[in-house]
Amino acid sequence: MSDRDVGQSGSSSGARAATVSDIHELMRRKEEIEAQIKANYEVLEGQKGVGMNEPLVDFEGYPRADVDVYQVRTARHNIICLQNDHKAVMKQVEEALHQLHAHDKEKQARDLAEAHEEAMSRRMSHNEGHSLSQAFAKVNSISPGSPASIAGLQVDDEIVEFGSVNTQNFQSLHNIGSVVQHSEGKPLNVTVIRRGERHQLRLVPTRWAGKGLLG
């Protein structure tokens, strides 16, 4: 493995966020380099135990005859190159771990924001639904045979929606009166709560024997 290989890997890793598989690959390469370094040190051990700095010439300046000078020099060179590769890979591992950690923190923050937004949306929907389900009027009496009676309205029904009138825009009973006057002969959707249950009715304001258009 060479410095060029490490550099190429580093530039490709920088083009995108590191993944767990990237880190596993880097760790595999690190272990491979460490194994090669160990193998080269074993070569030095096999040559009279010479290390990285012991002289390879005798007292008279001639190459030592008790060791394979070429093999020792090759092993030392390999160890130096591999140690540089090892240092480069460890730097990549550190950077990849930092990227992965930063990505996880960013994802966690994004997930938290989305969860908060969803919770707020549900709360708003719940509040809107709850407010719309609140009654703004209650039926006190129903005249037999009246349009209200025919539509199915009953005493104690709580009105949640009467045509275009609901909890959000209801101000007074004049609102209902205005809708009735403008809807004579036309069906109106009426939503009531009866003993805790919602009921949808269709009421047609109509002139009848009694007073008004509803009764």
Protein backbone atom coordinates (compact mmCIF):
# COMPACT_ATOMS: atom_id res chain seq x y z
CA MET A 1 0.00 0.00 0.00
CA SER A 2 1.39 3.45 -0.88
CA ASP A 3 0.87 7.07 0.16
CA ARG A 4 -0.79 7.62 -3.21
CA ASP A 5 -3.47 5.01 -2.38
CA VAL A 6 -4.13 6.67 0.97
CA GLY A 7 -4.36 10.12 -0.61
CA GLN A 8 -6.79 8.94 -3.26
CA SER A 9 -8.99 7.32 -0.63
CA GLY A 10 -8.92 10.46 1.47
CA SER A 11 -10.00 12.67 -1.44
CA SER A 12 -12.87 10.34 -2.34
CA SER A 13 -14.00 10.17 1.30
CA GLY A 14 -14.04 13.96 1.48
CA ALA A 15 -16.48 14.14 -1.43
CA ARG A 16 -19.27 12.68 0.69
CA ALA A 17 -20.15 11.98 4.30
CA ALA A 18 -18.40 8.97 5.80
CA THR A 19 -20.46 5.86 6.51
CA VAL A 20 -20.03 2.99 8.93
CA SER A 21 -18.87 0.77 6.05
CA ASP A 22 -16.18 3.36 5.19
CA ILE A 23 -14.87 3.17 8.74
CA HIS A 24 -14.89 -0.63 8.66
CA GLU A 25 -12.86 -0.55 5.43
CA LEU A 26 -10.35 1.89 6.93
CA MET A 27 -9.99 -0.29 10.02
CA ARG A 28 -9.41 -3.32 7.80
CA ARG A 29 -6.65 -1.46 5.96
CA LYS A 30 -5.15 -0.30 9.26
CA GLU A 31 -4.94 -3.89 10.51
CA GLU A 32 -3.48 -4.99 7.18
CA ILE A 33 -0.73 -2.35 7.43
CA GLU A 34 -0.01 -3.31 11.04
CA ALA A 35 0.36 -6.96 9.97
CA GLN A 36 2.83 -5.94 7.24
CA ILE A 37 4.83 -3.83 9.69
CA LYS A 38 4.99 -6.78 12.08
CA ALA A 39 6.14 -9.08 9.27
CA ASN A 40 8.99 -6.71 8.37
CA TYR A 41 10.07 -6.41 12.01
CA GLU A 42 10.17 -10.22 12.09
CA VAL A 43 12.55 -10.07 9.12
CA LEU A 44 14.84 -7.81 11.17
CA GLU A 45 14.59 -10.19 14.13
CA GLY A 46 15.66 -13.02 11.83
CA GLN A 47 18.78 -11.07 10.89
CA LYS A 48 20.64 -11.34 14.18
CA GLY A 49 17.97 -9.21 15.82
CA VAL A 50 19.06 -5.98 14.12
CA GLY A 51 16.64 -3.17 14.66
CA MET A 52 15.94 0.00 12.74
CA ASN A 53 19.16 1.81 13.72
CA GLU A 54 21.93 -0.73 14.24
CA PRO A 55 24.87 -0.25 11.81
CA LEU A 56 25.15 -2.60 8.85
CA VAL A 57 28.94 -2.19 8.48
CA ASP A 58 31.73 -3.63 10.60
CA PHE A 59 34.49 -1.74 12.40
CA GLU A 60 36.46 -1.46 9.17
CA GLY A 61 33.52 0.00 7.24
CA TYR A 62 32.71 -3.11 5.24
CA PRO A 63 29.15 -4.56 4.96
CA ARG A 64 28.49 -6.98 7.75
CA ALA A 65 28.93 -10.59 6.73
CA ASP A 66 26.66 -11.99 9.44
CA VAL A 67 23.45 -10.42 8.07
CA ASP A 68 21.74 -10.01 4.70
CA VAL A 69 22.31 -6.28 4.32
CA TYR A 70 19.99 -5.95 1.33
CA GLN A 71 17.15 -7.73 3.13
CA VAL A 72 17.60 -5.60 6.25
CA ARG A 73 17.62 -2.34 4.28
CA THR A 74 14.52 -3.44 2.35
CA ALA A 75 12.68 -4.33 5.58
CA ARG A 76 13.64 -1.01 7.19
CA HIS A 77 12.46 0.93 4.12
CA ASN A 78 9.18 -0.99 4.08
CA ILE A 79 8.62 -0.29 7.78
CA ILE A 80 9.15 3.46 7.32
CA CYS A 81 6.73 3.58 4.35
CA LEU A 82 4.16 1.44 6.13
CA GLN A 83 4.35 3.58 9.27
CA ASN A 84 3.60 6.65 7.13
CA ASP A 85 0.67 4.81 5.54
CA HIS A 86 -0.53 3.78 9.01
CA LYS A 87 -0.41 7.39 10.21
CA ALA A 88 -2.40 8.54 7.14
CA VAL A 89 -5.05 5.85 7.60
CA MET A 90 -5.44 6.69 11.29
CA LYS A 91 -6.02 10.32 10.32
CA GLN A 92 -8.71 9.21 7.86
CA VAL A 93 -10.32 7.07 10.58
CA GLU A 94 -10.41 10.07 12.92
CA GLU A 95 -11.94 12.31 10.23
CA ALA A 96 -14.47 9.65 9.24
CA LEU A 97 -15.54 9.16 12.87
CA HIS A 98 -15.92 12.92 13.25
CA GLN A 99 -18.04 13.13 10.06
CA LEU A 100 -20.18 10.20 11.15
CA HIS A 101 -20.71 11.72 14.58
CA ALA A 102 -21.60 15.12 13.06
CA HIS A 103 -23.99 13.43 10.60
CA ASP A 104 -25.68 11.51 13.43
CA LYS A 105 -26.09 14.71 15.46
CA GLU A 106 -27.54 16.51 12.44
CA LYS A 107 -29.94 13.63 11.74
CA GLN A 108 -30.95 13.51 15.40
CA ALA A 109 -31.64 17.25 15.40
CA ARG A 110 -33.61 16.98 12.15
CA ASP A 111 -35.65 14.04 13.45
CA LEU A 112 -36.34 15.94 16.67
CA ALA A 113 -37.47 19.03 14.73
CA GLU A 114 -39.73 16.90 12.51
CA ALA A 115 -41.21 15.14 15.54
CA HIS A 116 -41.83 18.51 17.22
CA GLU A 117 -43.43 19.90 14.06
CA GLU A 118 -45.65 16.82 13.74
CA ALA A 119 -46.65 17.07 17.40
CA MET A 120 -47.52 20.76 16.97
CA SER A 121 -49.51 19.95 13.82
CA ARG A 122 -51.44 17.24 15.62
CA ARG A 123 -52.07 19.54 18.55
CA MET A 124 -53.37 22.28 16.24
CA SER A 125 -55.58 19.79 14.41
CA HIS A 126 -56.84 18.48 17.72
CA ASN A 127 -57.54 22.00 18.97
CA GLU A 128 -59.33 22.93 15.76
CA GLY A 129 -61.37 19.74 15.87
CA HIS A 130 -62.09 20.27 19.53
CA SER A 131 -63.18 23.87 19.03
CA LEU A 132 -65.36 22.94 16.09
CA SER A 133 -67.04 20.26 18.16
CA GLN A 134 -68.05 22.75 20.86
CA ALA A 135 -71.75 23.59 20.74
CA PHE A 136 -72.78 27.23 20.42
CA ALA A 137 -76.51 26.75 20.94
CA LYS A 138 -78.98 24.31 22.50
CA VAL A 139 -82.45 23.30 21.33
CA ASN A 140 -84.99 24.18 24.03
CA SER A 141 -88.21 23.21 22.25
CA ILE A 142 -89.46 21.64 19.03
CA SER A 143 -92.93 22.17 17.63
CA PRO A 144 -94.56 19.01 16.27
CA GLY A 145 -94.83 18.99 12.46
CA SER A 146 -92.35 21.85 12.10
CA PRO A 147 -89.40 21.79 9.62
CA ALA A 148 -87.08 21.31 12.61
CA SER A 149 -89.08 18.32 13.83
CA ILE A 150 -89.21 16.82 10.34
CA ALA A 151 -85.41 17.21 10.05
CA GLY A 152 -85.00 15.17 13.22
CA LEU A 153 -83.96 17.87 15.68
CA GLN A 154 -84.74 17.02 19.31
CA VAL A 155 -84.93 18.95 22.54
CA ASP A 156 -81.52 19.28 24.28
CA ASP A 157 -79.65 18.77 21.02
CA GLU A 158 -76.46 20.87 21.10
CA ILE A 159 -75.85 22.62 17.81
CA VAL A 160 -72.25 22.48 16.57
CA GLU A 161 -72.88 23.59 12.98
CA PHE A 162 -75.88 25.21 11.36
CA GLY A 163 -75.33 25.78 7.66
CA SER A 164 -72.35 28.15 7.42
CA VAL A 165 -72.49 29.02 11.14
CA ASN A 166 -70.09 27.24 13.49
CA THR A 167 -68.18 27.87 16.71
CA GLN A 168 -65.57 29.93 14.91
CA ASN A 169 -67.93 32.54 13.45
CA PHE A 170 -70.98 32.38 15.73
CA GLN A 171 -71.74 35.69 17.43
CA SER A 172 -75.44 35.59 18.23
CA LEU A 173 -78.70 33.86 17.27
CA HIS A 174 -79.09 36.54 14.61
CA ASN A 175 -76.46 34.61 12.61
CA ILE A 176 -78.74 31.57 12.51
CA GLY A 177 -81.75 33.75 11.70
CA SER A 178 -79.90 35.29 8.76
CA VAL A 179 -78.91 31.86 7.38
CA VAL A 180 -82.51 30.65 7.72
CA GLN A 181 -83.93 33.69 5.92
CA HIS A 182 -81.52 33.24 3.00
CA SER A 183 -82.05 29.49 2.79
CA GLU A 184 -85.84 29.20 2.57
CA GLY A 185 -86.67 26.03 0.64
CA LYS A 186 -82.99 25.02 0.52
CA PRO A 187 -81.49 22.17 2.58
CA LEU A 188 -79.05 23.11 5.34
CA ASN A 189 -76.49 20.80 6.89
CA VAL A 190 -76.93 20.79 10.65
CA THR A 191 -74.53 19.03 13.04
CA VAL A 192 -75.63 18.37 16.60
CA ILE A 193 -74.30 16.55 19.64
CA ARG A 194 -76.91 14.28 21.20
CA ARG A 195 -76.03 12.38 24.35
CA GLY A 196 -72.33 12.66 23.51
CA GLU A 197 -72.66 11.56 19.88
CA ARG A 198 -72.48 13.67 16.74
CA HIS A 199 -75.42 13.58 14.31
CA GLN A 200 -75.69 15.05 10.82
CA LEU A 201 -79.14 16.38 9.86
CA ARG A 202 -80.60 18.07 6.78
CA LEU A 203 -83.03 20.84 7.62
CA VAL A 204 -85.08 22.73 5.00
CA PRO A 205 -86.42 26.09 6.27
CA THR A 206 -90.03 26.12 5.07
CA ARG A 207 -93.17 28.10 5.76
CA TRP A 208 -95.59 25.92 7.70
CA ALA A 209 -98.70 26.29 9.84
CA GLY A 210 -96.71 27.56 12.80
CA LYS A 211 -94.47 30.56 13.35
CA GLY A 212 -91.23 31.07 11.53
CA LEU A 213 -89.41 28.79 9.09
CA LEU A 214 -88.07 26.30 11.65
CA GLY A 215 -90.46 25.77 14.50
